[in-house]
Amino acid sequence: MRLFVRVVALLLLTVALTAPGADAWTRSPAVTFATLPAGVTNPEGITADAAGNLYVTTFAVGGTSSGTGQLFVFSPSGQLLRQVNVAGSSVLLLDLAFHPTTGELLVIDFGLQQVLRVDPVTGASSVFTTIPGGAAAGPNVLTFDGAGNVYVSDSFQGTIWRTDAAGGAPVAWVADPLLTTTGVPPFGANGLAFNRAGTALFVANTGNDTVVKIPVSGGVAGLPEVFVNSINGADGLIVDDDDNIWVAANQADEIVVLDPTGRVIAKLGDFGGIDPHGSPVGLLFPASLVRRGNFVYVTNLALDLRLFGLPQPVDAQWAAQVTAHTIARIQARIPKAQGLP
């Protein structure tokens, strides 16, 4: 009788676990797209050109072989095409993007609080804009509006700065307490992207685990408001053609996808440990993302925050084990979930 009861209980548990809807999300796996050269650490920013080549910067807290910031260019198949030393920069590079009208490659130099124009072949650079505030400034991510204006998030001063396509001195387009943080990681305003109509700018606040929505009318910012909470380490952020918002959750090692109302409709990728080559399996501290064709490409920052004297995050010890840093790839497809149209 006891054996019979145990068998029945096991069968019921099996049915419960395999029943439709038992899993919260169907997670598309994150796989390795490319590995940085030996000794190169902490990929952070990522963008793509019209040919599908991927451009990656590093936030190299341990320094670089050149003493300057570095840019790596990969083919659509993941082959390293070239390594570029960015002249006149610090080793702490963050976001980068090609300007939609001028074609210039703009790169954020976090260490020197500026945005650079960079030749993606030679690495020659010039200053596009310098963020006011000196060491108190924390430029992080840039984006563009339909008129070609450039917007830069400032993680430390809780400000979104704006210039026109020519650069020069920026103006504070919006500053608000919702763009600051006292949390961990200690970055407020981070990833940012406009919706398709240009009527709202979405801003990830990393330390607060929020996405902030800034209404826009005629290029003028309205009052910021919290759009959603509880994205653990909201970092890089992109908006797709359906106005879904894809957010890299750097402390949860996943990509969270929100519909235009703020409802989560997918959680993609996961962390599966360190492989025999010293690379993350899946996502580890995902920082930035870009969509190209049928895939979303994600930088695995894999940063041990204890290096900055911060309290130990759950993945810090894993990040310290990484010896080969990677860019991951996820299918740009939102799996069907029960209850969603």
C-alpha atoms as a PDB file:
ATOM      1  CA  MET A   1       0.000   0.000   0.000  1.00  0.00           C
ATOM      2  CA  ARG A   2       2.807   2.428   0.864  1.00  0.00           C
ATOM      3  CA  LEU A   3       4.500   1.718  -2.459  1.00  0.00           C
ATOM      4  CA  PHE A   4       1.190   2.280  -4.272  1.00  0.00           C
ATOM      5  CA  VAL A   5       0.680   5.651  -2.540  1.00  0.00           C
ATOM      6  CA  ARG A   6       4.208   6.758  -3.457  1.00  0.00           C
ATOM      7  CA  VAL A   7       3.719   5.783  -7.094  1.00  0.00           C
ATOM      8  CA  VAL A   8       0.416   7.672  -7.299  1.00  0.00           C
ATOM      9  CA  ALA A   9       1.980  10.744  -5.679  1.00  0.00           C
ATOM     10  CA  LEU A  10       4.867  10.651  -8.151  1.00  0.00           C
ATOM     11  CA  LEU A  11       2.475  10.383 -11.090  1.00  0.00           C
ATOM     12  CA  LEU A  12       0.426  13.339  -9.858  1.00  0.00           C
ATOM     13  CA  LEU A  13       3.583  15.436  -9.422  1.00  0.00           C
ATOM     14  CA  THR A  14       4.723  14.530 -12.932  1.00  0.00           C
ATOM     15  CA  VAL A  15       1.369  15.581 -14.388  1.00  0.00           C
ATOM     16  CA  ALA A  16       1.466  18.864 -12.485  1.00  0.00           C
ATOM     17  CA  LEU A  17       4.955  19.703 -13.699  1.00  0.00           C
ATOM     18  CA  THR A  18       4.253  18.829 -17.323  1.00  0.00           C
ATOM     19  CA  ALA A  19       0.772  20.315 -17.601  1.00  0.00           C
ATOM     20  CA  PRO A  20       0.308  23.200 -20.067  1.00  0.00           C
ATOM     21  CA  GLY A  21       1.206  26.500 -18.423  1.00  0.00           C
ATOM     22  CA  ALA A  22       3.200  24.873 -15.600  1.00  0.00           C
ATOM     23  CA  ASP A  23       6.352  26.686 -16.707  1.00  0.00           C
ATOM     24  CA  ALA A  24       6.195  30.445 -16.176  1.00  0.00           C
ATOM     25  CA  TRP A  25       8.092  31.223 -19.385  1.00  0.00           C
ATOM     26  CA  THR A  26       9.418  29.405 -22.409  1.00  0.00           C
ATOM     27  CA  ARG A  27      12.945  30.780 -22.433  1.00  0.00           C
ATOM     28  CA  SER A  28      14.762  30.994 -25.751  1.00  0.00           C
ATOM     29  CA  PRO A  29      18.349  30.044 -24.882  1.00  0.00           C
ATOM     30  CA  ALA A  30      21.232  32.491 -25.143  1.00  0.00           C
ATOM     31  CA  VAL A  31      24.180  30.973 -26.996  1.00  0.00           C
ATOM     32  CA  THR A  32      27.696  32.270 -27.584  1.00  0.00           C
ATOM     33  CA  PHE A  33      27.986  34.360 -30.744  1.00  0.00           C
ATOM     34  CA  ALA A  34      31.616  35.464 -30.382  1.00  0.00           C
ATOM     35  CA  THR A  35      34.491  35.403 -27.900  1.00  0.00           C
ATOM     36  CA  LEU A  36      36.789  38.364 -27.349  1.00  0.00           C
ATOM     37  CA  PRO A  37      40.550  37.865 -27.826  1.00  0.00           C
ATOM     38  CA  ALA A  38      42.528  36.450 -24.916  1.00  0.00           C
ATOM     39  CA  GLY A  39      43.108  39.003 -22.187  1.00  0.00           C
ATOM     40  CA  VAL A  40      40.283  41.304 -23.311  1.00  0.00           C
ATOM     41  CA  THR A  41      37.628  41.785 -20.638  1.00  0.00           C
ATOM     42  CA  ASN A  42      34.171  43.173 -19.921  1.00  0.00           C
ATOM     43  CA  PRO A  43      32.356  43.809 -23.214  1.00  0.00           C
ATOM     44  CA  GLU A  44      29.710  46.480 -22.656  1.00  0.00           C
ATOM     45  CA  GLY A  45      28.410  48.517 -25.595  1.00  0.00           C
ATOM     46  CA  ILE A  46      27.177  46.954 -28.835  1.00  0.00           C
ATOM     47  CA  THR A  47      25.785  48.174 -32.147  1.00  0.00           C
ATOM     48  CA  ALA A  48      25.481  46.952 -35.735  1.00  0.00           C
ATOM     49  CA  ASP A  49      26.139  48.480 -39.145  1.00  0.00           C
ATOM     50  CA  ALA A  50      24.066  48.141 -42.316  1.00  0.00           C
ATOM     51  CA  ALA A  51      26.053  45.083 -43.395  1.00  0.00           C
ATOM     52  CA  GLY A  52      25.292  43.247 -40.148  1.00  0.00           C
ATOM     53  CA  ASN A  53      28.752  43.610 -38.617  1.00  0.00           C
ATOM     54  CA  LEU A  54      28.734  43.952 -34.820  1.00  0.00           C
ATOM     55  CA  TYR A  55      30.751  46.625 -32.978  1.00  0.00           C
ATOM     56  CA  VAL A  56      31.600  46.043 -29.316  1.00  0.00           C
ATOM     57  CA  THR A  57      33.333  48.278 -26.765  1.00  0.00           C
ATOM     58  CA  THR A  58      34.871  47.200 -23.474  1.00  0.00           C
ATOM     59  CA  PHE A  59      34.552  48.639 -19.977  1.00  0.00           C
ATOM     60  CA  ALA A  60      38.036  47.407 -19.150  1.00  0.00           C
ATOM     61  CA  VAL A  61      38.392  48.020 -15.416  1.00  0.00           C
ATOM     62  CA  GLY A  62      41.679  46.091 -15.457  1.00  0.00           C
ATOM     63  CA  GLY A  63      43.138  48.185 -18.293  1.00  0.00           C
ATOM     64  CA  THR A  64      43.946  47.374 -21.912  1.00  0.00           C
ATOM     65  CA  SER A  65      47.086  46.449 -23.821  1.00  0.00           C
ATOM     66  CA  SER A  66      47.087  49.839 -25.564  1.00  0.00           C
ATOM     67  CA  GLY A  67      46.237  51.970 -22.540  1.00  0.00           C
ATOM     68  CA  THR A  68      43.266  53.353 -24.450  1.00  0.00           C
ATOM     69  CA  GLY A  69      39.717  52.192 -24.955  1.00  0.00           C
ATOM     70  CA  GLN A  70      39.176  49.384 -27.441  1.00  0.00           C
ATOM     71  CA  LEU A  71      36.592  48.554 -30.073  1.00  0.00           C
ATOM     72  CA  PHE A  72      36.104  45.099 -31.608  1.00  0.00           C
ATOM     73  CA  VAL A  73      34.357  44.453 -34.913  1.00  0.00           C
ATOM     74  CA  PHE A  74      32.787  41.064 -35.682  1.00  0.00           C
ATOM     75  CA  SER A  75      31.304  39.740 -38.904  1.00  0.00           C
ATOM     76  CA  PRO A  76      27.679  38.503 -38.948  1.00  0.00           C
ATOM     77  CA  SER A  77      29.078  34.983 -38.430  1.00  0.00           C
ATOM     78  CA  GLY A  78      31.005  35.982 -35.293  1.00  0.00           C
ATOM     79  CA  GLN A  79      34.486  36.208 -36.847  1.00  0.00           C
ATOM     80  CA  LEU A  80      36.709  38.942 -35.404  1.00  0.00           C
ATOM     81  CA  LEU A  81      37.408  41.363 -38.262  1.00  0.00           C
ATOM     82  CA  ARG A  82      39.562  43.906 -36.419  1.00  0.00           C
ATOM     83  CA  GLN A  83      40.574  45.304 -33.063  1.00  0.00           C
ATOM     84  CA  VAL A  84      40.612  49.093 -32.912  1.00  0.00           C
ATOM     85  CA  ASN A  85      42.363  51.264 -30.318  1.00  0.00           C
ATOM     86  CA  VAL A  86      40.323  54.425 -29.768  1.00  0.00           C
ATOM     87  CA  ALA A  87      42.749  57.339 -29.745  1.00  0.00           C
ATOM     88  CA  GLY A  88      42.555  59.760 -26.818  1.00  0.00           C
ATOM     89  CA  SER A  89      40.057  57.729 -24.842  1.00  0.00           C
ATOM     90  CA  SER A  90      40.008  56.152 -21.406  1.00  0.00           C
ATOM     91  CA  VAL A  91      39.759  52.371 -21.075  1.00  0.00           C
ATOM     92  CA  LEU A  92      36.170  52.680 -19.820  1.00  0.00           C
ATOM     93  CA  LEU A  93      34.006  52.769 -22.951  1.00  0.00           C
ATOM     94  CA  LEU A  94      30.261  52.186 -22.849  1.00  0.00           C
ATOM     95  CA  ASP A  95      27.522  52.595 -25.450  1.00  0.00           C
ATOM     96  CA  LEU A  96      28.081  53.288 -29.137  1.00  0.00           C
ATOM     97  CA  ALA A  97      25.895  53.845 -32.191  1.00  0.00           C
ATOM     98  CA  PHE A  98      26.031  55.095 -35.761  1.00  0.00           C
ATOM     99  CA  HIS A  99      24.291  58.443 -36.182  1.00  0.00           C
ATOM    100  CA  PRO A 100      21.270  57.852 -38.444  1.00  0.00           C
ATOM    101  CA  THR A 101      21.891  60.906 -40.668  1.00  0.00           C
ATOM    102  CA  THR A 102      25.604  61.736 -40.476  1.00  0.00           C
ATOM    103  CA  GLY A 103      26.774  58.117 -40.317  1.00  0.00           C
ATOM    104  CA  GLU A 104      29.352  59.006 -37.656  1.00  0.00           C
ATOM    105  CA  LEU A 105      30.171  56.347 -35.070  1.00  0.00           C
ATOM    106  CA  LEU A 106      29.598  57.889 -31.640  1.00  0.00           C
ATOM    107  CA  VAL A 107      31.162  56.213 -28.609  1.00  0.00           C
ATOM    108  CA  ILE A 108      30.624  57.074 -24.947  1.00  0.00           C
ATOM    109  CA  ASP A 109      33.844  57.452 -22.971  1.00  0.00           C
ATOM    110  CA  PHE A 110      32.639  57.035 -19.401  1.00  0.00           C
ATOM    111  CA  GLY A 111      36.097  57.595 -17.917  1.00  0.00           C
ATOM    112  CA  LEU A 112      36.522  61.041 -19.472  1.00  0.00           C
ATOM    113  CA  GLN A 113      32.803  62.025 -19.324  1.00  0.00           C
ATOM    114  CA  GLN A 114      32.512  62.595 -23.055  1.00  0.00           C
ATOM    115  CA  VAL A 115      31.126  61.279 -26.317  1.00  0.00           C
ATOM    116  CA  LEU A 116      33.628  60.709 -29.118  1.00  0.00           C
ATOM    117  CA  ARG A 117      33.395  60.582 -32.884  1.00  0.00           C
ATOM    118  CA  VAL A 118      35.425  57.508 -33.789  1.00  0.00           C
ATOM    119  CA  ASP A 119      36.738  56.231 -37.093  1.00  0.00           C
ATOM    120  CA  PRO A 120      35.696  52.552 -36.901  1.00  0.00           C
ATOM    121  CA  VAL A 121      38.717  51.464 -38.932  1.00  0.00           C
ATOM    122  CA  THR A 122      41.635  53.583 -37.698  1.00  0.00           C
ATOM    123  CA  GLY A 123      40.388  54.519 -34.227  1.00  0.00           C
ATOM    124  CA  ALA A 124      41.049  58.218 -34.795  1.00  0.00           C
ATOM    125  CA  SER A 125      38.705  60.252 -32.621  1.00  0.00           C
ATOM    126  CA  SER A 126      37.477  63.728 -31.815  1.00  0.00           C
ATOM    127  CA  VAL A 127      35.205  65.042 -29.089  1.00  0.00           C
ATOM    128  CA  PHE A 128      31.533  65.158 -30.080  1.00  0.00           C
ATOM    129  CA  THR A 129      30.337  66.474 -26.706  1.00  0.00           C
ATOM    130  CA  THR A 130      31.552  66.697 -23.119  1.00  0.00           C
ATOM    131  CA  ILE A 131      29.059  66.060 -20.323  1.00  0.00           C
ATOM    132  CA  PRO A 132      29.039  68.818 -17.662  1.00  0.00           C
ATOM    133  CA  GLY A 133      29.859  67.947 -14.071  1.00  0.00           C
ATOM    134  CA  GLY A 134      33.387  66.556 -14.340  1.00  0.00           C
ATOM    135  CA  ALA A 135      33.867  63.399 -12.287  1.00  0.00           C
ATOM    136  CA  ALA A 136      30.299  63.725 -10.997  1.00  0.00           C
ATOM    137  CA  ALA A 137      28.994  62.943 -14.502  1.00  0.00           C
ATOM    138  CA  GLY A 138      28.277  59.394 -15.633  1.00  0.00           C
ATOM    139  CA  PRO A 139      27.459  59.270 -19.364  1.00  0.00           C
ATOM    140  CA  ASN A 140      26.206  55.805 -20.174  1.00  0.00           C
ATOM    141  CA  VAL A 141      23.915  55.296 -23.198  1.00  0.00           C
ATOM    142  CA  LEU A 142      23.013  57.346 -26.267  1.00  0.00           C
ATOM    143  CA  THR A 143      20.099  57.360 -28.684  1.00  0.00           C
ATOM    144  CA  PHE A 144      18.596  59.540 -31.419  1.00  0.00           C
ATOM    145  CA  ASP A 145      15.243  61.092 -32.245  1.00  0.00           C
ATOM    146  CA  GLY A 146      13.698  61.435 -35.692  1.00  0.00           C
ATOM    147  CA  ALA A 147      15.332  64.836 -36.211  1.00  0.00           C
ATOM    148  CA  GLY A 148      18.831  63.474 -35.554  1.00  0.00           C
ATOM    149  CA  ASN A 149      19.227  64.980 -32.090  1.00  0.00           C
ATOM    150  CA  VAL A 150      21.449  62.966 -29.750  1.00  0.00           C
ATOM    151  CA  TYR A 151      20.370  62.023 -26.213  1.00  0.00           C
ATOM    152  CA  VAL A 152      22.803  60.800 -23.547  1.00  0.00           C
ATOM    153  CA  SER A 153      21.821  59.274 -20.211  1.00  0.00           C
ATOM    154  CA  ASP A 154      23.798  60.425 -17.175  1.00  0.00           C
ATOM    155  CA  SER A 155      23.680  57.684 -14.554  1.00  0.00           C
ATOM    156  CA  PHE A 156      25.129  59.778 -11.737  1.00  0.00           C
ATOM    157  CA  GLN A 157      23.449  63.160 -12.230  1.00  0.00           C
ATOM    158  CA  GLY A 158      20.001  61.781 -13.094  1.00  0.00           C
ATOM    159  CA  THR A 159      19.908  63.730 -16.335  1.00  0.00           C
ATOM    160  CA  ILE A 160      19.225  63.147 -20.014  1.00  0.00           C
ATOM    161  CA  TRP A 161      21.460  65.459 -22.047  1.00  0.00           C
ATOM    162  CA  ARG A 162      20.742  66.516 -25.626  1.00  0.00           C
ATOM    163  CA  THR A 163      22.740  67.896 -28.538  1.00  0.00           C
ATOM    164  CA  ASP A 164      21.937  68.328 -32.191  1.00  0.00           C
ATOM    165  CA  ALA A 165      23.599  66.193 -34.875  1.00  0.00           C
ATOM    166  CA  ALA A 166      26.705  68.398 -34.843  1.00  0.00           C
ATOM    167  CA  GLY A 167      27.428  67.867 -31.154  1.00  0.00           C
ATOM    168  CA  GLY A 168      28.932  70.609 -29.046  1.00  0.00           C
ATOM    169  CA  ALA A 169      27.812  71.703 -25.602  1.00  0.00           C
ATOM    170  CA  PRO A 170      24.812  69.646 -24.446  1.00  0.00           C
ATOM    171  CA  VAL A 171      21.702  70.941 -22.734  1.00  0.00           C
ATOM    172  CA  ALA A 172      19.924  69.216 -19.879  1.00  0.00           C
ATOM    173  CA  TRP A 173      16.805  67.963 -21.657  1.00  0.00           C
ATOM    174  CA  VAL A 174      15.333  66.484 -18.468  1.00  0.00           C
ATOM    175  CA  ALA A 175      16.590  65.967 -14.906  1.00  0.00           C
ATOM    176  CA  ASP A 176      14.511  64.135 -12.339  1.00  0.00           C
ATOM    177  CA  PRO A 177      14.924  62.148  -9.084  1.00  0.00           C
ATOM    178  CA  LEU A 178      13.439  59.111 -10.866  1.00  0.00           C
ATOM    179  CA  LEU A 179      16.625  59.024 -12.942  1.00  0.00           C
ATOM    180  CA  THR A 180      18.908  58.820  -9.896  1.00  0.00           C
ATOM    181  CA  THR A 181      19.512  55.935  -7.495  1.00  0.00           C
ATOM    182  CA  THR A 182      21.007  54.896  -4.196  1.00  0.00           C
ATOM    183  CA  GLY A 183      20.738  51.226  -5.161  1.00  0.00           C
ATOM    184  CA  VAL A 184      23.177  48.596  -6.412  1.00  0.00           C
ATOM    185  CA  PRO A 185      24.608  48.643  -9.030  1.00  0.00           C
ATOM    186  CA  PRO A 186      24.919  52.400  -8.412  1.00  0.00           C
ATOM    187  CA  PHE A 187      23.772  53.531 -11.869  1.00  0.00           C
ATOM    188  CA  GLY A 188      20.575  55.535 -12.303  1.00  0.00           C
ATOM    189  CA  ALA A 189      19.574  56.485 -15.857  1.00  0.00           C
ATOM    190  CA  ASN A 190      21.050  53.874 -18.168  1.00  0.00           C
ATOM    191  CA  GLY A 191      19.567  52.306 -21.316  1.00  0.00           C
ATOM    192  CA  LEU A 192      17.199  54.497 -23.308  1.00  0.00           C
ATOM    193  CA  ALA A 193      15.105  54.297 -26.458  1.00  0.00           C
ATOM    194  CA  PHE A 194      12.171  56.109 -28.042  1.00  0.00           C
ATOM    195  CA  ASN A 195       8.945  54.380 -28.977  1.00  0.00           C
ATOM    196  CA  ARG A 196       8.223  54.155 -32.694  1.00  0.00           C
ATOM    197  CA  ALA A 197       6.108  57.324 -32.756  1.00  0.00           C
ATOM    198  CA  GLY A 198       8.694  59.337 -30.822  1.00  0.00           C
ATOM    199  CA  THR A 199       6.095  60.289 -28.236  1.00  0.00           C
ATOM    200  CA  ALA A 200       7.868  58.643 -25.295  1.00  0.00           C
ATOM    201  CA  LEU A 201      11.428  57.971 -24.194  1.00  0.00           C
ATOM    202  CA  PHE A 202      11.937  54.871 -22.035  1.00  0.00           C
ATOM    203  CA  VAL A 203      14.864  54.925 -19.612  1.00  0.00           C
ATOM    204  CA  ALA A 204      16.192  52.009 -17.584  1.00  0.00           C
ATOM    205  CA  ASN A 205      17.190  52.855 -14.008  1.00  0.00           C
ATOM    206  CA  THR A 206      19.622  50.135 -12.982  1.00  0.00           C
ATOM    207  CA  GLY A 207      19.892  50.737  -9.254  1.00  0.00           C
ATOM    208  CA  ASN A 208      16.139  51.226  -8.825  1.00  0.00           C
ATOM    209  CA  ASP A 209      15.164  48.184 -10.970  1.00  0.00           C
ATOM    210  CA  THR A 210      12.732  50.367 -12.920  1.00  0.00           C
ATOM    211  CA  VAL A 211      11.922  51.570 -16.409  1.00  0.00           C
ATOM    212  CA  VAL A 212      10.965  55.248 -16.471  1.00  0.00           C
ATOM    213  CA  LYS A 213       8.711  56.720 -19.173  1.00  0.00           C
ATOM    214  CA  ILE A 214       9.210  60.311 -20.301  1.00  0.00           C
ATOM    215  CA  PRO A 215       6.386  61.651 -22.486  1.00  0.00           C
ATOM    216  CA  VAL A 216       7.536  63.769 -25.446  1.00  0.00           C
ATOM    217  CA  SER A 217       5.619  66.404 -27.399  1.00  0.00           C
ATOM    218  CA  GLY A 218       7.256  68.503 -30.093  1.00  0.00           C
ATOM    219  CA  GLY A 219      10.683  67.523 -28.816  1.00  0.00           C
ATOM    220  CA  VAL A 220       9.857  68.753 -25.297  1.00  0.00           C
ATOM    221  CA  ALA A 221      10.075  66.365 -22.364  1.00  0.00           C
ATOM    222  CA  GLY A 222       7.081  65.899 -20.102  1.00  0.00           C
ATOM    223  CA  LEU A 223       7.022  64.707 -16.493  1.00  0.00           C
ATOM    224  CA  PRO A 224       8.862  61.384 -15.987  1.00  0.00           C
ATOM    225  CA  GLU A 225       6.965  58.535 -14.347  1.00  0.00           C
ATOM    226  CA  VAL A 226       7.798  54.971 -13.373  1.00  0.00           C
ATOM    227  CA  PHE A 227       6.555  52.718 -16.166  1.00  0.00           C
ATOM    228  CA  VAL A 228       7.394  49.378 -14.503  1.00  0.00           C
ATOM    229  CA  ASN A 229       9.194  48.141 -11.403  1.00  0.00           C
ATOM    230  CA  SER A 230      11.117  45.016 -10.420  1.00  0.00           C
ATOM    231  CA  ILE A 231      13.451  44.417 -13.377  1.00  0.00           C
ATOM    232  CA  ASN A 232      16.526  43.317 -11.469  1.00  0.00           C
ATOM    233  CA  GLY A 233      19.360  45.539 -12.674  1.00  0.00           C
ATOM    234  CA  ALA A 234      17.582  47.122 -15.669  1.00  0.00           C
ATOM    235  CA  ASP A 235      20.427  48.002 -18.045  1.00  0.00           C
ATOM    236  CA  GLY A 236      20.438  48.137 -21.858  1.00  0.00           C
ATOM    237  CA  LEU A 237      17.062  48.764 -23.501  1.00  0.00           C
ATOM    238  CA  ILE A 238      15.743  48.593 -27.066  1.00  0.00           C
ATOM    239  CA  VAL A 239      12.278  48.981 -28.623  1.00  0.00           C
ATOM    240  CA  ASP A 240      11.145  46.697 -31.450  1.00  0.00           C
ATOM    241  CA  ASP A 241       8.838  47.403 -34.401  1.00  0.00           C
ATOM    242  CA  ASP A 242       5.773  46.494 -32.311  1.00  0.00           C
ATOM    243  CA  ASP A 243       6.807  48.893 -29.515  1.00  0.00           C
ATOM    244  CA  ASN A 244       7.741  46.003 -27.238  1.00  0.00           C
ATOM    245  CA  ILE A 245      10.561  46.964 -24.871  1.00  0.00           C
ATOM    246  CA  TRP A 246      13.488  44.557 -24.460  1.00  0.00           C
ATOM    247  CA  VAL A 247      15.468  45.148 -21.265  1.00  0.00           C
ATOM    248  CA  ALA A 248      18.714  43.506 -20.157  1.00  0.00           C
ATOM    249  CA  ALA A 249      18.317  42.562 -16.488  1.00  0.00           C
ATOM    250  CA  ASN A 250      21.950  42.470 -15.457  1.00  0.00           C
ATOM    251  CA  GLN A 251      21.369  41.080 -11.969  1.00  0.00           C
ATOM    252  CA  ALA A 252      18.895  38.408 -13.110  1.00  0.00           C
ATOM    253  CA  ASP A 253      20.935  37.266 -16.152  1.00  0.00           C
ATOM    254  CA  GLU A 254      17.964  37.503 -18.506  1.00  0.00           C
ATOM    255  CA  ILE A 255      16.249  39.652 -21.099  1.00  0.00           C
ATOM    256  CA  VAL A 256      12.804  40.897 -20.013  1.00  0.00           C
ATOM    257  CA  VAL A 257      10.362  41.827 -22.781  1.00  0.00           C
ATOM    258  CA  LEU A 258       7.484  44.219 -22.011  1.00  0.00           C
ATOM    259  CA  ASP A 259       4.527  45.025 -24.222  1.00  0.00           C
ATOM    260  CA  PRO A 260       3.576  48.707 -24.758  1.00  0.00           C
ATOM    261  CA  THR A 261       1.382  48.630 -21.633  1.00  0.00           C
ATOM    262  CA  GLY A 262       4.233  47.454 -19.395  1.00  0.00           C
ATOM    263  CA  ARG A 263       3.072  43.834 -19.109  1.00  0.00           C
ATOM    264  CA  VAL A 264       5.915  41.316 -19.211  1.00  0.00           C
ATOM    265  CA  ILE A 265       5.403  38.993 -22.188  1.00  0.00           C
ATOM    266  CA  ALA A 266       8.701  37.083 -22.218  1.00  0.00           C
ATOM    267  CA  LYS A 267      11.815  36.331 -20.228  1.00  0.00           C
ATOM    268  CA  LEU A 268      14.638  35.119 -22.438  1.00  0.00           C
ATOM    269  CA  GLY A 269      18.018  33.565 -21.742  1.00  0.00           C
ATOM    270  CA  ASP A 270      19.518  32.446 -18.457  1.00  0.00           C
ATOM    271  CA  PHE A 271      22.877  31.705 -16.800  1.00  0.00           C
ATOM    272  CA  GLY A 272      24.210  28.169 -16.788  1.00  0.00           C
ATOM    273  CA  GLY A 273      27.637  28.425 -15.185  1.00  0.00           C
ATOM    274  CA  ILE A 274      31.152  28.684 -16.629  1.00  0.00           C
ATOM    275  CA  ASP A 275      32.288  26.348 -19.405  1.00  0.00           C
ATOM    276  CA  PRO A 276      35.702  24.585 -19.535  1.00  0.00           C
ATOM    277  CA  HIS A 277      37.121  27.488 -21.574  1.00  0.00           C
ATOM    278  CA  GLY A 278      36.276  30.032 -18.867  1.00  0.00           C
ATOM    279  CA  SER A 279      33.296  31.536 -20.736  1.00  0.00           C
ATOM    280  CA  PRO A 280      29.801  32.205 -19.372  1.00  0.00           C
ATOM    281  CA  VAL A 281      27.156  29.700 -20.428  1.00  0.00           C
ATOM    282  CA  GLY A 282      24.215  31.843 -21.545  1.00  0.00           C
ATOM    283  CA  LEU A 283      24.010  35.308 -19.974  1.00  0.00           C
ATOM    284  CA  LEU A 284      26.172  36.692 -17.164  1.00  0.00           C
ATOM    285  CA  PHE A 285      25.623  40.368 -16.246  1.00  0.00           C
ATOM    286  CA  PRO A 286      24.050  41.182 -19.637  1.00  0.00           C
ATOM    287  CA  ALA A 287      24.625  44.872 -20.292  1.00  0.00           C
ATOM    288  CA  SER A 288      23.673  46.012 -23.792  1.00  0.00           C
ATOM    289  CA  LEU A 289      21.668  44.578 -26.650  1.00  0.00           C
ATOM    290  CA  VAL A 290      21.055  45.238 -30.323  1.00  0.00           C
ATOM    291  CA  ARG A 291      18.695  43.596 -32.772  1.00  0.00           C
ATOM    292  CA  ARG A 292      19.896  42.604 -36.205  1.00  0.00           C
ATOM    293  CA  GLY A 293      17.768  40.407 -38.456  1.00  0.00           C
ATOM    294  CA  ASN A 294      16.387  37.401 -36.619  1.00  0.00           C
ATOM    295  CA  PHE A 295      18.621  37.757 -33.563  1.00  0.00           C
ATOM    296  CA  VAL A 296      19.259  39.961 -30.559  1.00  0.00           C
ATOM    297  CA  TYR A 297      22.947  40.223 -29.629  1.00  0.00           C
ATOM    298  CA  VAL A 298      23.883  40.796 -25.987  1.00  0.00           C
ATOM    299  CA  THR A 299      27.172  41.730 -24.320  1.00  0.00           C
ATOM    300  CA  ASN A 300      28.072  39.652 -21.270  1.00  0.00           C
ATOM    301  CA  LEU A 301      29.721  42.308 -19.110  1.00  0.00           C
ATOM    302  CA  ALA A 302      30.543  39.673 -16.453  1.00  0.00           C
ATOM    303  CA  LEU A 303      31.731  42.358 -14.046  1.00  0.00           C
ATOM    304  CA  ASP A 304      32.650  41.544 -10.449  1.00  0.00           C
ATOM    305  CA  LEU A 305      31.169  44.541  -8.625  1.00  0.00           C
ATOM    306  CA  ARG A 306      33.225  43.756  -5.537  1.00  0.00           C
ATOM    307  CA  LEU A 307      36.140  45.370  -7.386  1.00  0.00           C
ATOM    308  CA  PHE A 308      34.451  48.716  -6.655  1.00  0.00           C
ATOM    309  CA  GLY A 309      33.959  47.987  -2.971  1.00  0.00           C
ATOM    310  CA  LEU A 310      30.262  47.228  -3.464  1.00  0.00           C
ATOM    311  CA  PRO A 311      28.350  44.581  -1.518  1.00  0.00           C
ATOM    312  CA  GLN A 312      28.556  41.137  -3.088  1.00  0.00           C
ATOM    313  CA  PRO A 313      25.891  40.517  -5.755  1.00  0.00           C
ATOM    314  CA  VAL A 314      24.780  36.927  -6.334  1.00  0.00           C
ATOM    315  CA  ASP A 315      26.846  36.560  -9.527  1.00  0.00           C
ATOM    316  CA  ALA A 316      30.045  38.252  -8.341  1.00  0.00           C
ATOM    317  CA  GLN A 317      31.937  35.033  -7.681  1.00  0.00           C
ATOM    318  CA  TRP A 318      30.882  33.669 -11.081  1.00  0.00           C
ATOM    319  CA  ALA A 319      32.057  36.847 -12.796  1.00  0.00           C
ATOM    320  CA  ALA A 320      35.427  36.513 -11.068  1.00  0.00           C
ATOM    321  CA  GLN A 321      35.833  33.068 -12.669  1.00  0.00           C
ATOM    322  CA  VAL A 322      35.420  34.331 -16.237  1.00  0.00           C
ATOM    323  CA  THR A 323      38.632  34.237 -18.266  1.00  0.00           C
ATOM    324  CA  ALA A 324      37.128  34.373 -21.773  1.00  0.00           C
ATOM    325  CA  HIS A 325      34.577  37.138 -22.315  1.00  0.00           C
ATOM    326  CA  THR A 326      31.712  36.727 -24.778  1.00  0.00           C
ATOM    327  CA  ILE A 327      28.869  38.186 -26.782  1.00  0.00           C
ATOM    328  CA  ALA A 328      25.682  36.128 -26.671  1.00  0.00           C
ATOM    329  CA  ARG A 329      22.878  35.709 -29.201  1.00  0.00           C
ATOM    330  CA  ILE A 330      19.151  35.066 -28.686  1.00  0.00           C
ATOM    331  CA  GLN A 331      16.451  34.527 -31.274  1.00  0.00           C
ATOM    332  CA  ALA A 332      14.466  37.745 -31.744  1.00  0.00           C
ATOM    333  CA  ARG A 333      11.221  35.864 -31.232  1.00  0.00           C
ATOM    334  CA  ILE A 334       8.751  36.200 -28.385  1.00  0.00           C
ATOM    335  CA  PRO A 335       7.572  32.708 -27.377  1.00  0.00           C
ATOM    336  CA  LYS A 336       3.825  32.256 -27.072  1.00  0.00           C
ATOM    337  CA  ALA A 337       2.534  32.339 -23.521  1.00  0.00           C
ATOM    338  CA  GLN A 338      -0.867  31.222 -22.336  1.00  0.00           C
ATOM    339  CA  GLY A 339      -3.271  34.101 -21.799  1.00  0.00           C
ATOM    340  CA  LEU A 340      -1.567  36.360 -24.346  1.00  0.00           C
ATOM    341  CA  PRO A 341      -3.015  37.150 -27.769  1.00  0.00           C
END
